[in-house]
Protein backbone atom coordinates (compact mmCIF):
# COMPACT_ATOMS: atom_id res chain seq x y z
CA MET A 1 -32.50 -36.60 -41.23
CA PRO A 2 -33.77 -32.92 -42.36
CA LYS A 3 -36.44 -32.48 -44.67
CA CYS A 4 -36.15 -29.81 -47.57
CA PRO A 5 -38.13 -26.80 -46.71
CA LYS A 6 -39.11 -26.02 -50.38
CA CYS A 7 -39.83 -29.50 -51.68
CA GLY A 8 -40.56 -31.64 -48.10
CA GLU A 9 -38.06 -34.82 -49.45
CA GLU A 10 -36.02 -36.12 -46.76
CA ILE A 11 -32.01 -35.28 -47.64
CA ASP A 12 -28.60 -36.04 -45.71
CA HIS A 13 -26.42 -33.24 -47.47
CA LEU A 14 -27.14 -30.53 -49.99
CA ILE A 15 -24.88 -29.30 -52.72
CA TYR A 16 -22.06 -26.54 -52.16
CA TYR A 17 -21.70 -23.78 -55.30
CA ALA A 18 -19.04 -21.06 -54.76
CA TYR A 19 -16.86 -19.38 -56.68
CA GLU A 20 -13.17 -20.52 -55.33
CA LEU A 21 -9.62 -19.26 -55.85
CA GLN A 22 -7.89 -21.93 -55.78
CA LYS A 23 -4.61 -23.30 -55.98
CA ALA A 24 -2.50 -26.83 -57.07
CA SER A 25 0.89 -27.77 -58.20
CA VAL A 26 1.02 -29.63 -61.97
CA GLY A 27 3.57 -31.80 -63.28
CA LEU A 28 4.20 -33.71 -67.01
CA VAL A 29 3.03 -37.73 -65.94
CA ASN A 30 3.35 -39.49 -68.99
CA GLY A 31 2.99 -36.60 -71.66
CA ASN A 32 0.01 -35.04 -70.14
CA LEU A 33 -0.43 -32.34 -66.93
CA GLU A 34 -1.26 -33.71 -63.61
CA TYR A 35 -2.81 -31.23 -60.77
CA TYR A 36 -2.32 -32.12 -57.56
CA ASN A 37 -2.00 -30.47 -53.93
CA TRP A 38 -5.03 -28.98 -54.32
CA ASP A 39 -6.06 -25.82 -51.65
CA SER A 40 -8.76 -23.57 -51.79
CA LEU A 41 -8.11 -20.14 -50.56
CA GLY A 42 -11.60 -18.69 -50.04
CA VAL A 43 -14.62 -17.80 -51.81
CA THR A 44 -13.71 -14.60 -54.49
CA LYS A 45 -17.18 -13.88 -55.59
CA GLY A 46 -20.72 -13.26 -53.98
CA GLU A 47 -21.71 -15.77 -51.28
CA PRO A 48 -21.85 -19.62 -51.44
CA ASP A 49 -25.16 -21.35 -52.14
CA TYR A 50 -26.38 -24.27 -50.37
CA GLU A 51 -29.04 -25.99 -52.60
CA CYS A 52 -31.25 -28.88 -51.74
CA PRO A 53 -30.07 -32.20 -53.79
CA LYS A 54 -33.43 -33.19 -54.82
CA CYS A 55 -35.05 -29.94 -55.55
CA LYS A 56 -32.23 -27.89 -57.11
CA GLU A 57 -33.97 -24.68 -54.42
CA VAL A 58 -30.73 -22.90 -52.83
CA LEU A 59 -31.66 -23.06 -48.94
CA PHE A 60 -28.61 -21.09 -47.35
CA HIS A 61 -26.19 -19.13 -47.98
CA ASP A 62 -24.40 -19.17 -44.56
CA GLU A 63 -22.53 -22.43 -43.49
CA GLU A 64 -23.74 -22.10 -39.51
CA GLU A 65 -27.40 -22.09 -40.84
CA VAL A 66 -26.40 -25.31 -42.77
CA LYS A 67 -24.37 -26.88 -40.30
CA LYS A 68 -27.91 -26.59 -37.74
CA PHE A 69 -30.12 -28.14 -40.90
CA LEU A 70 -27.93 -31.12 -41.12
CA GLN A 71 -28.29 -31.33 -37.72
CA ASN A 72 -31.69 -31.22 -37.68
CA LYS A 73 -31.92 -29.13 -34.95
CA LYS A 74 -35.34 -26.65 -35.12
CA ASP A 75 -35.28 -23.45 -36.03
CA ARG A 76 -38.26 -21.70 -35.00
CA LYS A 77 -40.88 -20.95 -38.11
CA ILE A 78 -42.66 -17.61 -37.70
CA ARG A 79 -45.67 -18.53 -40.13
CA LEU A 80 -46.79 -16.07 -42.99
CA THR A 81 -50.50 -15.70 -44.22
CA GLU A 82 -50.25 -16.81 -48.48
CA LYS A 83 -51.59 -12.75 -48.77
CA GLU A 84 -48.11 -11.95 -45.97
CA ALA A 85 -45.91 -14.23 -48.32
CA TYR A 86 -47.28 -12.38 -51.88
CA ARG A 87 -46.86 -9.30 -49.94
CA ILE A 88 -42.84 -9.44 -49.68
CA SER A 89 -42.63 -11.30 -53.30
CA GLN A 90 -44.40 -8.82 -55.09
CA THR A 91 -41.51 -5.96 -54.56
CA PRO A 92 -39.02 -6.11 -57.20
CA PRO A 93 -35.20 -7.43 -56.39
CA ASN A 94 -33.65 -4.04 -57.41
CA GLU A 95 -35.73 -2.02 -55.72
CA CYS A 96 -35.28 -3.23 -51.97
CA TRP A 97 -32.83 -5.34 -50.90
CA ILE A 98 -34.09 -6.57 -47.85
CA CYS A 99 -37.29 -8.03 -49.55
CA ALA A 100 -35.88 -9.56 -52.42
CA TYR A 101 -33.56 -11.89 -49.36
CA LEU A 102 -36.63 -12.25 -47.54
CA THR A 103 -38.08 -13.48 -50.62
CA GLU A 104 -35.31 -16.22 -51.34
CA ARG A 105 -35.60 -16.99 -47.79
CA ILE A 106 -39.94 -17.97 -47.90
CA CYS A 107 -40.51 -22.10 -46.94
CA LYS A 108 -43.91 -23.55 -47.67
CA ASP A 109 -44.60 -26.37 -45.63
CA GLU A 110 -48.18 -28.32 -45.36
CA GLN A 111 -48.99 -25.83 -42.79
CA GLY A 112 -48.44 -22.92 -45.15
CA TYR A 113 -46.08 -20.02 -45.42
CA PHE A 114 -43.20 -19.46 -42.96
CA ILE A 115 -39.57 -18.00 -42.75
CA TYR A 116 -36.91 -19.21 -40.04
CA GLU A 117 -36.54 -16.75 -37.22
CA SER A 118 -32.83 -17.25 -37.71
CA ASP A 119 -33.39 -15.29 -40.91
CA LEU A 120 -34.74 -12.52 -39.12
CA LYS A 121 -31.59 -12.32 -36.29
CA ASP A 122 -30.96 -8.35 -37.57
CA GLU A 123 -33.28 -5.80 -36.47
CA GLY A 124 -33.08 -3.69 -39.45
CA ILE A 125 -34.55 -6.59 -41.59
CA ARG A 126 -37.35 -7.35 -38.47
CA GLU A 127 -38.46 -3.58 -38.36
CA HIS A 128 -39.16 -3.78 -42.70
CA LEU A 129 -40.78 -6.89 -42.35
CA ARG A 130 -43.45 -4.93 -39.53
CA GLN A 131 -43.54 -2.14 -41.92
CA ILE A 132 -44.67 -4.44 -44.73
CA LEU A 133 -47.02 -6.65 -42.27
CA GLY A 134 -48.00 -4.56 -40.22
CA ARG A 135 -47.20 -7.15 -36.83
CA ASP A 136 -44.74 -7.92 -34.48
CA PHE A 137 -41.82 -10.75 -35.07
């Protein structure tokens, strides 16, 4: 069973949050409205959040990452020193979207801070991290 990268608890599911456009049929049953045949027409605003049911921290925004996590497939952890984690997170979110993105993805386990390699798929994000920390990833 996978462990939450934020709180370390074993979890078998995540909580999904999204703004969705929904459609349903509505009818009158015994004087009350009853909705049925619900259908989701997709996320309408932003990206979905998938959070840990134990600590309520948002862990993912991407469905493929959620699937991999719940299947307990291991993703390589790129270790950060405490100083590096602080350096990434010290930039105000409104000044740098990449630092805001990375700050949300910094995790901590018994060995220290890390970012999953899959969070660094984009070469622009990797390059930005190289510039901030002065090392290759």
